[in-house]
Amino acid sequence: KTGEIYGRRKIDVEPVFGFLKANLGFTRLSVRGQERVQNEMGFALMAVNLRKLTARNAT
């Protein structure tokens, strides 16, 4: 069961963080506190989704 969870994680979650690091240069958070971190990650993930959306609409 644990192997299944880790197997899905590689497909679902980790590529997004790799994209954030490699393409957007997002390697560290610039704020402290859970609420502020959630806000900053929300903006970063929103940027990823907007890039995906524009790439999808361009073709």
PDB file of N, CA and C in Angstrom:
ATOM      1  N   LYS A   1       0.827  -1.197   0.000  1.00  0.00           N
ATOM      2  CA  LYS A   1       0.000   0.000   0.000  1.00  0.00           C
ATOM      3  C   LYS A   1       0.871   1.260   0.000  1.00  0.00           C
ATOM      4  N   THR A   2       1.912   1.280   0.796  1.00  0.00           N
ATOM      5  CA  THR A   2       2.791   2.447   0.841  1.00  0.00           C
ATOM      6  C   THR A   2       3.468   2.672  -0.504  1.00  0.00           C
ATOM      7  N   GLY A   3       3.864   1.595  -1.148  1.00  0.00           N
ATOM      8  CA  GLY A   3       4.479   1.711  -2.463  1.00  0.00           C
ATOM      9  C   GLY A   3       3.548   2.328  -3.493  1.00  0.00           C
ATOM     10  N   GLU A   4       2.252   2.009  -3.384  1.00  0.00           N
ATOM     11  CA  GLU A   4       1.268   2.609  -4.287  1.00  0.00           C
ATOM     12  C   GLU A   4       1.193   4.118  -4.105  1.00  0.00           C
ATOM     13  N   ILE A   5       1.191   4.536  -2.852  1.00  0.00           N
ATOM     14  CA  ILE A   5       1.099   5.970  -2.551  1.00  0.00           C
ATOM     15  C   ILE A   5       2.310   6.699  -3.114  1.00  0.00           C
ATOM     16  N   TYR A   6       3.505   6.167  -2.873  1.00  0.00           N
ATOM     17  CA  TYR A   6       4.708   6.820  -3.388  1.00  0.00           C
ATOM     18  C   TYR A   6       4.761   6.767  -4.908  1.00  0.00           C
ATOM     19  N   GLY A   7       4.244   5.721  -5.495  1.00  0.00           N
ATOM     20  CA  GLY A   7       4.204   5.624  -6.949  1.00  0.00           C
ATOM     21  C   GLY A   7       3.313   6.685  -7.569  1.00  0.00           C
ATOM     22  N   ARG A   8       2.163   6.940  -6.945  1.00  0.00           N
ATOM     23  CA  ARG A   8       1.265   7.985  -7.449  1.00  0.00           C
ATOM     24  C   ARG A   8       1.848   9.367  -7.231  1.00  0.00           C
ATOM     25  N   ARG A   9       2.583   9.541  -6.151  1.00  0.00           N
ATOM     26  CA  ARG A   9       3.161  10.847  -5.833  1.00  0.00           C
ATOM     27  C   ARG A   9       4.092  11.316  -6.945  1.00  0.00           C
ATOM     28  N   LYS A  10       4.856  10.409  -7.494  1.00  0.00           N
ATOM     29  CA  LYS A  10       5.781  10.770  -8.574  1.00  0.00           C
ATOM     30  C   LYS A  10       5.044  11.283  -9.797  1.00  0.00           C
ATOM     31  N   ILE A  11       3.847  10.798 -10.015  1.00  0.00           N
ATOM     32  CA  ILE A  11       3.073  11.200 -11.188  1.00  0.00           C
ATOM     33  C   ILE A  11       2.289  12.475 -10.930  1.00  0.00           C
ATOM     34  N   ASP A  12       1.683  12.579  -9.751  1.00  0.00           N
ATOM     35  CA  ASP A  12       0.751  13.673  -9.471  1.00  0.00           C
ATOM     36  C   ASP A  12       1.416  14.938  -8.972  1.00  0.00           C
ATOM     37  N   VAL A  13       2.322  14.830  -8.013  1.00  0.00           N
ATOM     38  CA  VAL A  13       2.781  15.997  -7.273  1.00  0.00           C
ATOM     39  C   VAL A  13       4.163  16.482  -7.686  1.00  0.00           C
ATOM     40  N   GLU A  14       5.124  15.616  -7.734  1.00  0.00           N
ATOM     41  CA  GLU A  14       6.516  16.036  -7.883  1.00  0.00           C
ATOM     42  C   GLU A  14       6.827  16.770  -9.183  1.00  0.00           C
ATOM     43  N   PRO A  15       6.225  16.441 -10.319  1.00  0.00           N
ATOM     44  CA  PRO A  15       6.525  17.215 -11.535  1.00  0.00           C
ATOM     45  C   PRO A  15       6.169  18.695 -11.420  1.00  0.00           C
ATOM     46  N   VAL A  16       5.135  19.009 -10.660  1.00  0.00           N
ATOM     47  CA  VAL A  16       4.740  20.409 -10.494  1.00  0.00           C
ATOM     48  C   VAL A  16       5.827  21.172  -9.754  1.00  0.00           C
ATOM     49  N   PHE A  17       6.364  20.584  -8.694  1.00  0.00           N
ATOM     50  CA  PHE A  17       7.414  21.259  -7.943  1.00  0.00           C
ATOM     51  C   PHE A  17       8.708  21.333  -8.746  1.00  0.00           C
ATOM     52  N   GLY A  18       8.981  20.321  -9.551  1.00  0.00           N
ATOM     53  CA  GLY A  18      10.135  20.374 -10.435  1.00  0.00           C
ATOM     54  C   GLY A  18      10.009  21.493 -11.453  1.00  0.00           C
ATOM     55  N   PHE A  19       8.814  21.683 -11.991  1.00  0.00           N
ATOM     56  CA  PHE A  19       8.563  22.770 -12.937  1.00  0.00           C
ATOM     57  C   PHE A  19       8.748  24.119 -12.256  1.00  0.00           C
ATOM     58  N   LEU A  20       8.242  24.244 -11.025  1.00  0.00           N
ATOM     59  CA  LEU A  20       8.412  25.497 -10.276  1.00  0.00           C
ATOM     60  C   LEU A  20       9.888  25.833 -10.110  1.00  0.00           C
ATOM     61  N   LYS A  21      10.683  24.825  -9.764  1.00  0.00           N
ATOM     62  CA  LYS A  21      12.108  25.064  -9.533  1.00  0.00           C
ATOM     63  C   LYS A  21      12.860  25.337 -10.825  1.00  0.00           C
ATOM     64  N   ALA A  22      12.645  24.516 -11.834  1.00  0.00           N
ATOM     65  CA  ALA A  22      13.444  24.601 -13.054  1.00  0.00           C
ATOM     66  C   ALA A  22      13.051  25.774 -13.944  1.00  0.00           C
ATOM     67  N   ASN A  23      11.771  25.978 -14.140  1.00  0.00           N
ATOM     68  CA  ASN A  23      11.326  26.971 -15.115  1.00  0.00           C
ATOM     69  C   ASN A  23      10.984  28.324 -14.519  1.00  0.00           C
ATOM     70  N   LEU A  24      10.500  28.334 -13.298  1.00  0.00           N
ATOM     71  CA  LEU A  24      10.123  29.604 -12.683  1.00  0.00           C
ATOM     72  C   LEU A  24      11.134  30.076 -11.644  1.00  0.00           C
ATOM     73  N   GLY A  25      12.134  29.258 -11.334  1.00  0.00           N
ATOM     74  CA  GLY A  25      13.157  29.654 -10.370  1.00  0.00           C
ATOM     75  C   GLY A  25      12.645  29.784  -8.950  1.00  0.00           C
ATOM     76  N   PHE A  26      11.574  29.086  -8.640  1.00  0.00           N
ATOM     77  CA  PHE A  26      10.950  29.176  -7.324  1.00  0.00           C
ATOM     78  C   PHE A  26      11.542  28.091  -6.436  1.00  0.00           C
ATOM     79  N   THR A  27      12.586  28.442  -5.682  1.00  0.00           N
ATOM     80  CA  THR A  27      13.249  27.443  -4.849  1.00  0.00           C
ATOM     81  C   THR A  27      13.068  27.681  -3.359  1.00  0.00           C
ATOM     82  N   ARG A  28      12.741  28.890  -2.971  1.00  0.00           N
ATOM     83  CA  ARG A  28      12.552  29.203  -1.553  1.00  0.00           C
ATOM     84  C   ARG A  28      11.350  30.110  -1.375  1.00  0.00           C
ATOM     85  N   LEU A  29      10.759  30.006  -0.204  1.00  0.00           N
ATOM     86  CA  LEU A  29       9.662  30.904   0.142  1.00  0.00           C
ATOM     87  C   LEU A  29      10.244  32.150   0.788  1.00  0.00           C
ATOM     88  N   SER A  30       9.615  33.274   0.572  1.00  0.00           N
ATOM     89  CA  SER A  30      10.141  34.530   1.115  1.00  0.00           C
ATOM     90  C   SER A  30       9.342  35.017   2.314  1.00  0.00           C
ATOM     91  N   VAL A  31       8.448  34.186   2.833  1.00  0.00           N
ATOM     92  CA  VAL A  31       7.613  34.586   3.966  1.00  0.00           C
ATOM     93  C   VAL A  31       7.671  33.517   5.052  1.00  0.00           C
ATOM     94  N   ARG A  32       7.157  33.865   6.211  1.00  0.00           N
ATOM     95  CA  ARG A  32       7.036  32.917   7.317  1.00  0.00           C
ATOM     96  C   ARG A  32       5.595  32.870   7.775  1.00  0.00           C
ATOM     97  N   GLY A  33       5.229  31.758   8.355  1.00  0.00           N
ATOM     98  CA  GLY A  33       3.869  31.583   8.845  1.00  0.00           C
ATOM     99  C   GLY A  33       3.034  30.799   7.853  1.00  0.00           C
ATOM    100  N   GLN A  34       2.195  29.933   8.386  1.00  0.00           N
ATOM    101  CA  GLN A  34       1.437  29.024   7.527  1.00  0.00           C
ATOM    102  C   GLN A  34       0.522  29.760   6.553  1.00  0.00           C
ATOM    103  N   GLU A  35      -0.180  30.763   7.009  1.00  0.00           N
ATOM    104  CA  GLU A  35      -1.112  31.476   6.125  1.00  0.00           C
ATOM    105  C   GLU A  35      -0.375  32.188   4.997  1.00  0.00           C
ATOM    106  N   ARG A  36       0.736  32.829   5.314  1.00  0.00           N
ATOM    107  CA  ARG A  36       1.504  33.535   4.282  1.00  0.00           C
ATOM    108  C   ARG A  36       2.146  32.563   3.302  1.00  0.00           C
ATOM    109  N   VAL A  37       2.623  31.428   3.814  1.00  0.00           N
ATOM    110  CA  VAL A  37       3.208  30.414   2.937  1.00  0.00           C
ATOM    111  C   VAL A  37       2.141  29.866   1.995  1.00  0.00           C
ATOM    112  N   GLN A  38       0.942  29.621   2.522  1.00  0.00           N
ATOM    113  CA  GLN A  38      -0.142  29.141   1.662  1.00  0.00           C
ATOM    114  C   GLN A  38      -0.467  30.156   0.573  1.00  0.00           C
ATOM    115  N   ASN A  39      -0.464  31.434   0.923  1.00  0.00           N
ATOM    116  CA  ASN A  39      -0.725  32.470  -0.080  1.00  0.00           C
ATOM    117  C   ASN A  39       0.355  32.488  -1.152  1.00  0.00           C
ATOM    118  N   GLU A  40       1.612  32.435  -0.733  1.00  0.00           N
ATOM    119  CA  GLU A  40       2.707  32.492  -1.702  1.00  0.00           C
ATOM    120  C   GLU A  40       2.716  31.257  -2.606  1.00  0.00           C
ATOM    121  N   MET A  41       2.499  30.075  -2.022  1.00  0.00           N
ATOM    122  CA  MET A  41       2.436  28.864  -2.839  1.00  0.00           C
ATOM    123  C   MET A  41       1.231  28.914  -3.773  1.00  0.00           C
ATOM    124  N   GLY A  42       0.144  29.493  -3.303  1.00  0.00           N
ATOM    125  CA  GLY A  42      -1.035  29.635  -4.154  1.00  0.00           C
ATOM    126  C   GLY A  42      -0.739  30.466  -5.388  1.00  0.00           C
ATOM    127  N   PHE A  43      -0.016  31.566  -5.201  1.00  0.00           N
ATOM    128  CA  PHE A  43       0.356  32.404  -6.346  1.00  0.00           C
ATOM    129  C   PHE A  43       1.297  31.663  -7.291  1.00  0.00           C
ATOM    130  N   ALA A  44       2.256  30.927  -6.734  1.00  0.00           N
ATOM    131  CA  ALA A  44       3.198  30.189  -7.573  1.00  0.00           C
ATOM    132  C   ALA A  44       2.475  29.110  -8.375  1.00  0.00           C
ATOM    133  N   LEU A  45       1.584  28.382  -7.723  1.00  0.00           N
ATOM    134  CA  LEU A  45       0.848  27.332  -8.424  1.00  0.00           C
ATOM    135  C   LEU A  45      -0.139  27.913  -9.430  1.00  0.00           C
ATOM    136  N   MET A  46      -0.662  29.092  -9.131  1.00  0.00           N
ATOM    137  CA  MET A  46      -1.531  29.772 -10.086  1.00  0.00           C
ATOM    138  C   MET A  46      -0.741  30.137 -11.348  1.00  0.00           C
ATOM    139  N   ALA A  47       0.497  30.560 -11.170  1.00  0.00           N
ATOM    140  CA  ALA A  47       1.346  30.881 -12.319  1.00  0.00           C
ATOM    141  C   ALA A  47       1.591  29.639 -13.172  1.00  0.00           C
ATOM    142  N   VAL A  48       1.816  28.500 -12.529  1.00  0.00           N
ATOM    143  CA  VAL A  48       2.010  27.249 -13.269  1.00  0.00           C
ATOM    144  C   VAL A  48       0.758  26.912 -14.068  1.00  0.00           C
ATOM    145  N   ASN A  49      -0.398  27.037 -13.426  1.00  0.00           N
ATOM    146  CA  ASN A  49      -1.652  26.715 -14.116  1.00  0.00           C
ATOM    147  C   ASN A  49      -1.924  27.669 -15.272  1.00  0.00           C
ATOM    148  N   LEU A  50      -1.588  28.946 -15.109  1.00  0.00           N
ATOM    149  CA  LEU A  50      -1.777  29.901 -16.202  1.00  0.00           C
ATOM    150  C   LEU A  50      -0.868  29.581 -17.382  1.00  0.00           C
ATOM    151  N   ARG A  51       0.359  29.163 -17.096  1.00  0.00           N
ATOM    152  CA  ARG A  51       1.265  28.770 -18.184  1.00  0.00           C
ATOM    153  C   ARG A  51       0.729  27.558 -18.926  1.00  0.00           C
ATOM    154  N   LYS A  52       0.202  26.590 -18.178  1.00  0.00           N
ATOM    155  CA  LYS A  52      -0.384  25.410 -18.812  1.00  0.00           C
ATOM    156  C   LYS A  52      -1.583  25.797 -19.673  1.00  0.00           C
ATOM    157  N   LEU A  53      -2.410  26.677 -19.150  1.00  0.00           N
ATOM    158  CA  LEU A  53      -3.604  27.106 -19.872  1.00  0.00           C
ATOM    159  C   LEU A  53      -3.246  27.834 -21.162  1.00  0.00           C
ATOM    160  N   THR A  54      -2.285  28.738 -21.098  1.00  0.00           N
ATOM    161  CA  THR A  54      -1.897  29.465 -22.307  1.00  0.00           C
ATOM    162  C   THR A  54      -1.238  28.538 -23.323  1.00  0.00           C
ATOM    163  N   ALA A  55      -0.461  27.565 -22.849  1.00  0.00           N
ATOM    164  CA  ALA A  55       0.154  26.607 -23.771  1.00  0.00           C
ATOM    165  C   ALA A  55      -0.910  25.745 -24.434  1.00  0.00           C
ATOM    166  N   ARG A  56      -1.912  25.363 -23.691  1.00  0.00           N
ATOM    167  CA  ARG A  56      -2.985  24.537 -24.241  1.00  0.00           C
ATOM    168  C   ARG A  56      -3.814  25.318 -25.258  1.00  0.00           C
ATOM    169  N   ASN A  57      -4.058  26.586 -24.984  1.00  0.00           N
ATOM    170  CA  ASN A  57      -4.863  27.410 -25.889  1.00  0.00           C
ATOM    171  C   ASN A  57      -4.086  27.859 -27.119  1.00  0.00           C
ATOM    172  N   ALA A  58      -2.765  27.832 -27.068  1.00  0.00           N
ATOM    173  CA  ALA A  58      -1.946  28.277 -28.194  1.00  0.00           C
ATOM    174  C   ALA A  58      -1.935  27.255 -29.329  1.00  0.00           C
ATOM    175  N   THR A  59      -2.206  26.005 -29.013  1.00  0.00           N
ATOM    176  CA  THR A  59      -2.161  24.968 -30.057  1.00  0.00           C
ATOM    177  C   THR A  59      -3.501  24.714 -30.664  1.00  0.00           C
TER     178      THR A  59
END
